[in-house]
Amino acid sequence: MTMPYIAVNVSKSLTETEKDAIKSGLGEKISVIPGKSEKGLMVDIIDGKSMYYRGQKGDIAYLEVKLFGTPEPDAQKAFTEAAFDVMQQAGFAKKDVYITLQGFANWGVNGTLV
Protein backbone atom coordinates (compact mmCIF):
# COMPACT_ATOMS: atom_id res chain seq x y z
CA MET A 1 0.00 0.00 0.00
CA THR A 2 1.43 3.37 -1.00
CA MET A 3 1.06 6.43 1.18
CA PRO A 4 -1.50 9.10 0.44
CA TYR A 5 -0.33 12.63 1.29
CA ILE A 6 -2.63 15.46 2.35
CA ALA A 7 -1.37 19.02 2.79
CA VAL A 8 -3.84 21.03 4.86
CA ASN A 9 -3.28 24.79 4.59
CA VAL A 10 -5.46 26.97 6.82
CA SER A 11 -5.59 30.66 7.55
CA LYS A 12 -6.29 30.49 11.25
CA SER A 13 -4.02 29.22 13.98
CA LEU A 14 -5.06 25.85 15.34
CA THR A 15 -4.51 24.21 18.70
CA GLU A 16 -2.79 20.84 18.83
CA THR A 17 -6.20 19.32 19.68
CA GLU A 18 -7.74 20.87 16.54
CA LYS A 19 -4.83 19.65 14.40
CA ASP A 20 -5.19 16.16 15.84
CA ALA A 21 -8.93 16.19 15.12
CA ILE A 22 -8.30 17.13 11.47
CA LYS A 23 -5.57 14.48 11.15
CA SER A 24 -7.79 11.81 12.72
CA GLY A 25 -10.84 12.81 10.69
CA LEU A 26 -8.95 12.67 7.41
CA GLY A 27 -7.33 9.42 8.50
CA GLU A 28 -10.72 7.86 9.08
CA LYS A 29 -12.18 9.18 5.81
CA ILE A 30 -9.27 8.17 3.52
CA SER A 31 -10.47 4.57 3.75
CA VAL A 32 -13.36 5.35 1.39
CA ILE A 33 -10.69 5.12 -1.31
CA PRO A 34 -9.94 1.43 -1.94
CA GLY A 35 -6.48 0.41 -0.74
CA LYS A 36 -5.93 3.54 1.37
CA SER A 37 -5.97 3.80 5.17
CA GLU A 38 -4.79 6.00 8.00
CA LYS A 39 -2.01 3.48 8.62
CA GLY A 40 -0.25 4.74 5.48
CA LEU A 41 -1.46 8.35 5.46
CA MET A 42 0.82 11.40 5.82
CA VAL A 43 -0.94 14.62 6.83
CA ASP A 44 0.91 17.95 6.77
CA ILE A 45 -0.99 20.72 8.57
CA ILE A 46 0.19 24.28 8.01
CA ASP A 47 -1.83 26.79 10.01
CA GLY A 48 -1.79 30.54 10.56
CA LYS A 49 -1.20 31.33 6.88
CA SER A 50 -2.12 34.62 5.27
CA MET A 51 -4.70 33.41 2.77
CA TYR A 52 -6.79 35.58 0.48
CA TYR A 53 -9.67 34.78 -1.83
CA ARG A 54 -11.23 37.39 -4.11
CA GLY A 55 -8.93 39.95 -2.53
CA GLN A 56 -10.24 39.31 0.97
CA LYS A 57 -8.52 37.70 3.92
CA GLY A 58 -10.64 35.07 5.65
CA ASP A 59 -10.92 31.75 7.42
CA ILE A 60 -9.96 29.66 4.41
CA ALA A 61 -8.73 26.08 4.05
CA TYR A 62 -7.05 24.44 1.06
CA LEU A 63 -6.38 20.71 0.99
CA GLU A 64 -4.05 19.19 -1.57
CA VAL A 65 -4.49 15.41 -1.76
CA LYS A 66 -1.88 13.31 -3.58
CA LEU A 67 -2.33 9.61 -4.24
CA PHE A 68 -0.47 6.79 -5.92
CA GLY A 69 -2.73 5.65 -8.74
CA THR A 70 -6.02 7.13 -9.80
CA PRO A 71 -9.02 6.09 -7.73
CA GLU A 72 -12.42 5.66 -9.36
CA PRO A 73 -14.40 8.92 -9.64
CA ASP A 74 -16.98 7.72 -7.09
CA ALA A 75 -14.23 7.09 -4.50
CA GLN A 76 -12.68 10.51 -5.21
CA LYS A 77 -16.06 12.19 -4.76
CA ALA A 78 -16.80 10.26 -1.55
CA PHE A 79 -13.45 11.22 -0.03
CA THR A 80 -13.74 14.86 -1.12
CA GLU A 81 -17.19 15.20 0.43
CA ALA A 82 -15.99 13.49 3.62
CA ALA A 83 -12.99 15.85 3.79
CA PHE A 84 -15.35 18.84 3.51
CA ASP A 85 -17.22 17.44 6.53
CA VAL A 86 -13.97 17.06 8.52
CA MET A 87 -13.03 20.66 7.82
CA GLN A 88 -16.53 21.89 8.69
CA GLN A 89 -16.23 20.12 12.05
CA ALA A 90 -12.92 21.97 12.49
CA GLY A 91 -14.75 25.31 12.14
CA PHE A 92 -14.41 26.09 8.44
CA ALA A 93 -17.52 26.80 6.38
CA LYS A 94 -17.75 24.44 3.41
CA LYS A 95 -17.90 27.48 1.12
CA ASP A 96 -14.42 28.45 2.39
CA VAL A 97 -12.78 25.05 1.88
CA TYR A 98 -11.07 24.11 -1.39
CA ILE A 99 -9.75 20.65 -2.25
CA THR A 100 -7.69 19.27 -5.10
CA LEU A 101 -7.07 15.58 -5.57
CA GLN A 102 -4.33 14.30 -7.83
CA GLY A 103 -3.22 10.77 -8.67
CA PHE A 104 0.28 9.79 -9.75
CA ALA A 105 1.49 6.81 -11.77
CA ASN A 106 4.88 6.87 -10.02
CA TRP A 107 5.68 7.22 -6.34
CA GLY A 108 9.01 6.96 -4.56
CA VAL A 109 8.98 5.01 -1.29
CA ASN A 110 11.36 2.81 0.69
CA GLY A 111 14.32 3.87 -1.42
CA THR A 112 12.79 3.06 -4.81
CA LEU A 113 10.21 4.06 -7.37
CA VAL A 114 7.00 2.02 -7.34
C-alpha atoms as a PDB file:
ATOM      1  CA  MET A   1       0.000   0.000   0.000  1.00  0.00           C
ATOM      2  CA  THR A   2       1.427   3.371  -0.999  1.00  0.00           C
ATOM      3  CA  MET A   3       1.064   6.431   1.181  1.00  0.00           C
ATOM      4  CA  PRO A   4      -1.503   9.100   0.438  1.00  0.00           C
ATOM      5  CA  TYR A   5      -0.330  12.627   1.292  1.00  0.00           C
ATOM      6  CA  ILE A   6      -2.631  15.455   2.348  1.00  0.00           C
ATOM      7  CA  ALA A   7      -1.370  19.019   2.793  1.00  0.00           C
ATOM      8  CA  VAL A   8      -3.839  21.035   4.861  1.00  0.00           C
ATOM      9  CA  ASN A   9      -3.282  24.792   4.594  1.00  0.00           C
ATOM     10  CA  VAL A  10      -5.459  26.970   6.823  1.00  0.00           C
ATOM     11  CA  SER A  11      -5.592  30.657   7.548  1.00  0.00           C
ATOM     12  CA  LYS A  12      -6.289  30.494  11.246  1.00  0.00           C
ATOM     13  CA  SER A  13      -4.019  29.219  13.983  1.00  0.00           C
ATOM     14  CA  LEU A  14      -5.065  25.848  15.341  1.00  0.00           C
ATOM     15  CA  THR A  15      -4.515  24.211  18.699  1.00  0.00           C
ATOM     16  CA  GLU A  16      -2.794  20.836  18.829  1.00  0.00           C
ATOM     17  CA  THR A  17      -6.195  19.324  19.681  1.00  0.00           C
ATOM     18  CA  GLU A  18      -7.737  20.870  16.539  1.00  0.00           C
ATOM     19  CA  LYS A  19      -4.832  19.648  14.399  1.00  0.00           C
ATOM     20  CA  ASP A  20      -5.190  16.163  15.839  1.00  0.00           C
ATOM     21  CA  ALA A  21      -8.933  16.188  15.119  1.00  0.00           C
ATOM     22  CA  ILE A  22      -8.298  17.133  11.466  1.00  0.00           C
ATOM     23  CA  LYS A  23      -5.572  14.480  11.152  1.00  0.00           C
ATOM     24  CA  SER A  24      -7.790  11.811  12.720  1.00  0.00           C
ATOM     25  CA  GLY A  25     -10.843  12.814  10.692  1.00  0.00           C
ATOM     26  CA  LEU A  26      -8.949  12.675   7.406  1.00  0.00           C
ATOM     27  CA  GLY A  27      -7.328   9.415   8.505  1.00  0.00           C
ATOM     28  CA  GLU A  28     -10.722   7.864   9.084  1.00  0.00           C
ATOM     29  CA  LYS A  29     -12.176   9.177   5.814  1.00  0.00           C
ATOM     30  CA  ILE A  30      -9.274   8.173   3.524  1.00  0.00           C
ATOM     31  CA  SER A  31     -10.469   4.569   3.750  1.00  0.00           C
ATOM     32  CA  VAL A  32     -13.364   5.347   1.387  1.00  0.00           C
ATOM     33  CA  ILE A  33     -10.686   5.123  -1.314  1.00  0.00           C
ATOM     34  CA  PRO A  34      -9.944   1.432  -1.943  1.00  0.00           C
ATOM     35  CA  GLY A  35      -6.479   0.412  -0.745  1.00  0.00           C
ATOM     36  CA  LYS A  36      -5.929   3.542   1.366  1.00  0.00           C
ATOM     37  CA  SER A  37      -5.970   3.797   5.165  1.00  0.00           C
ATOM     38  CA  GLU A  38      -4.792   5.999   7.998  1.00  0.00           C
ATOM     39  CA  LYS A  39      -2.007   3.481   8.618  1.00  0.00           C
ATOM     40  CA  GLY A  40      -0.246   4.740   5.480  1.00  0.00           C
ATOM     41  CA  LEU A  41      -1.460   8.352   5.460  1.00  0.00           C
ATOM     42  CA  MET A  42       0.815  11.399   5.820  1.00  0.00           C
ATOM     43  CA  VAL A  43      -0.937  14.621   6.832  1.00  0.00           C
ATOM     44  CA  ASP A  44       0.907  17.951   6.773  1.00  0.00           C
ATOM     45  CA  ILE A  45      -0.995  20.722   8.566  1.00  0.00           C
ATOM     46  CA  ILE A  46       0.194  24.280   8.009  1.00  0.00           C
ATOM     47  CA  ASP A  47      -1.833  26.786  10.013  1.00  0.00           C
ATOM     48  CA  GLY A  48      -1.787  30.540  10.559  1.00  0.00           C
ATOM     49  CA  LYS A  49      -1.200  31.330   6.876  1.00  0.00           C
ATOM     50  CA  SER A  50      -2.124  34.619   5.269  1.00  0.00           C
ATOM     51  CA  MET A  51      -4.701  33.410   2.770  1.00  0.00           C
ATOM     52  CA  TYR A  52      -6.795  35.577   0.480  1.00  0.00           C
ATOM     53  CA  TYR A  53      -9.670  34.782  -1.834  1.00  0.00           C
ATOM     54  CA  ARG A  54     -11.233  37.387  -4.107  1.00  0.00           C
ATOM     55  CA  GLY A  55      -8.934  39.954  -2.526  1.00  0.00           C
ATOM     56  CA  GLN A  56     -10.244  39.310   0.969  1.00  0.00           C
ATOM     57  CA  LYS A  57      -8.517  37.696   3.915  1.00  0.00           C
ATOM     58  CA  GLY A  58     -10.644  35.071   5.648  1.00  0.00           C
ATOM     59  CA  ASP A  59     -10.922  31.749   7.425  1.00  0.00           C
ATOM     60  CA  ILE A  60      -9.957  29.665   4.410  1.00  0.00           C
ATOM     61  CA  ALA A  61      -8.727  26.085   4.047  1.00  0.00           C
ATOM     62  CA  TYR A  62      -7.049  24.441   1.058  1.00  0.00           C
ATOM     63  CA  LEU A  63      -6.377  20.709   0.991  1.00  0.00           C
ATOM     64  CA  GLU A  64      -4.054  19.189  -1.570  1.00  0.00           C
ATOM     65  CA  VAL A  65      -4.485  15.410  -1.764  1.00  0.00           C
ATOM     66  CA  LYS A  66      -1.878  13.314  -3.585  1.00  0.00           C
ATOM     67  CA  LEU A  67      -2.327   9.613  -4.238  1.00  0.00           C
ATOM     68  CA  PHE A  68      -0.466   6.789  -5.922  1.00  0.00           C
ATOM     69  CA  GLY A  69      -2.725   5.645  -8.744  1.00  0.00           C
ATOM     70  CA  THR A  70      -6.024   7.126  -9.804  1.00  0.00           C
ATOM     71  CA  PRO A  71      -9.023   6.093  -7.728  1.00  0.00           C
ATOM     72  CA  GLU A  72     -12.417   5.662  -9.359  1.00  0.00           C
ATOM     73  CA  PRO A  73     -14.395   8.915  -9.636  1.00  0.00           C
ATOM     74  CA  ASP A  74     -16.978   7.716  -7.088  1.00  0.00           C
ATOM     75  CA  ALA A  75     -14.227   7.092  -4.502  1.00  0.00           C
ATOM     76  CA  GLN A  76     -12.684  10.506  -5.214  1.00  0.00           C
ATOM     77  CA  LYS A  77     -16.060  12.189  -4.762  1.00  0.00           C
ATOM     78  CA  ALA A  78     -16.802  10.263  -1.552  1.00  0.00           C
ATOM     79  CA  PHE A  79     -13.455  11.223  -0.027  1.00  0.00           C
ATOM     80  CA  THR A  80     -13.739  14.864  -1.122  1.00  0.00           C
ATOM     81  CA  GLU A  81     -17.190  15.197   0.427  1.00  0.00           C
ATOM     82  CA  ALA A  82     -15.987  13.485   3.624  1.00  0.00           C
ATOM     83  CA  ALA A  83     -12.987  15.848   3.794  1.00  0.00           C
ATOM     84  CA  PHE A  84     -15.350  18.839   3.506  1.00  0.00           C
ATOM     85  CA  ASP A  85     -17.218  17.439   6.534  1.00  0.00           C
ATOM     86  CA  VAL A  86     -13.970  17.057   8.516  1.00  0.00           C
ATOM     87  CA  MET A  87     -13.032  20.663   7.819  1.00  0.00           C
ATOM     88  CA  GLN A  88     -16.530  21.889   8.692  1.00  0.00           C
ATOM     89  CA  GLN A  89     -16.228  20.116  12.050  1.00  0.00           C
ATOM     90  CA  ALA A  90     -12.920  21.975  12.489  1.00  0.00           C
ATOM     91  CA  GLY A  91     -14.748  25.306  12.144  1.00  0.00           C
ATOM     92  CA  PHE A  92     -14.412  26.090   8.441  1.00  0.00           C
ATOM     93  CA  ALA A  93     -17.518  26.803   6.384  1.00  0.00           C
ATOM     94  CA  LYS A  94     -17.748  24.435   3.414  1.00  0.00           C
ATOM     95  CA  LYS A  95     -17.896  27.478   1.118  1.00  0.00           C
ATOM     96  CA  ASP A  96     -14.421  28.448   2.389  1.00  0.00           C
ATOM     97  CA  VAL A  97     -12.777  25.046   1.879  1.00  0.00           C
ATOM     98  CA  TYR A  98     -11.071  24.110  -1.389  1.00  0.00           C
ATOM     99  CA  ILE A  99      -9.748  20.652  -2.246  1.00  0.00           C
ATOM    100  CA  THR A 100      -7.690  19.272  -5.100  1.00  0.00           C
ATOM    101  CA  LEU A 101      -7.075  15.576  -5.572  1.00  0.00           C
ATOM    102  CA  GLN A 102      -4.326  14.297  -7.829  1.00  0.00           C
ATOM    103  CA  GLY A 103      -3.225  10.767  -8.666  1.00  0.00           C
ATOM    104  CA  PHE A 104       0.276   9.791  -9.747  1.00  0.00           C
ATOM    105  CA  ALA A 105       1.491   6.813 -11.774  1.00  0.00           C
ATOM    106  CA  ASN A 106       4.882   6.874 -10.021  1.00  0.00           C
ATOM    107  CA  TRP A 107       5.682   7.218  -6.338  1.00  0.00           C
ATOM    108  CA  GLY A 108       9.006   6.957  -4.556  1.00  0.00           C
ATOM    109  CA  VAL A 109       8.975   5.005  -1.292  1.00  0.00           C
ATOM    110  CA  ASN A 110      11.359   2.815   0.689  1.00  0.00           C
ATOM    111  CA  GLY A 111      14.316   3.873  -1.425  1.00  0.00           C
ATOM    112  CA  THR A 112      12.794   3.060  -4.810  1.00  0.00           C
ATOM    113  CA  LEU A 113      10.209   4.065  -7.369  1.00  0.00           C
ATOM    114  CA  VAL A 114       6.998   2.024  -7.339  1.00  0.00           C
END
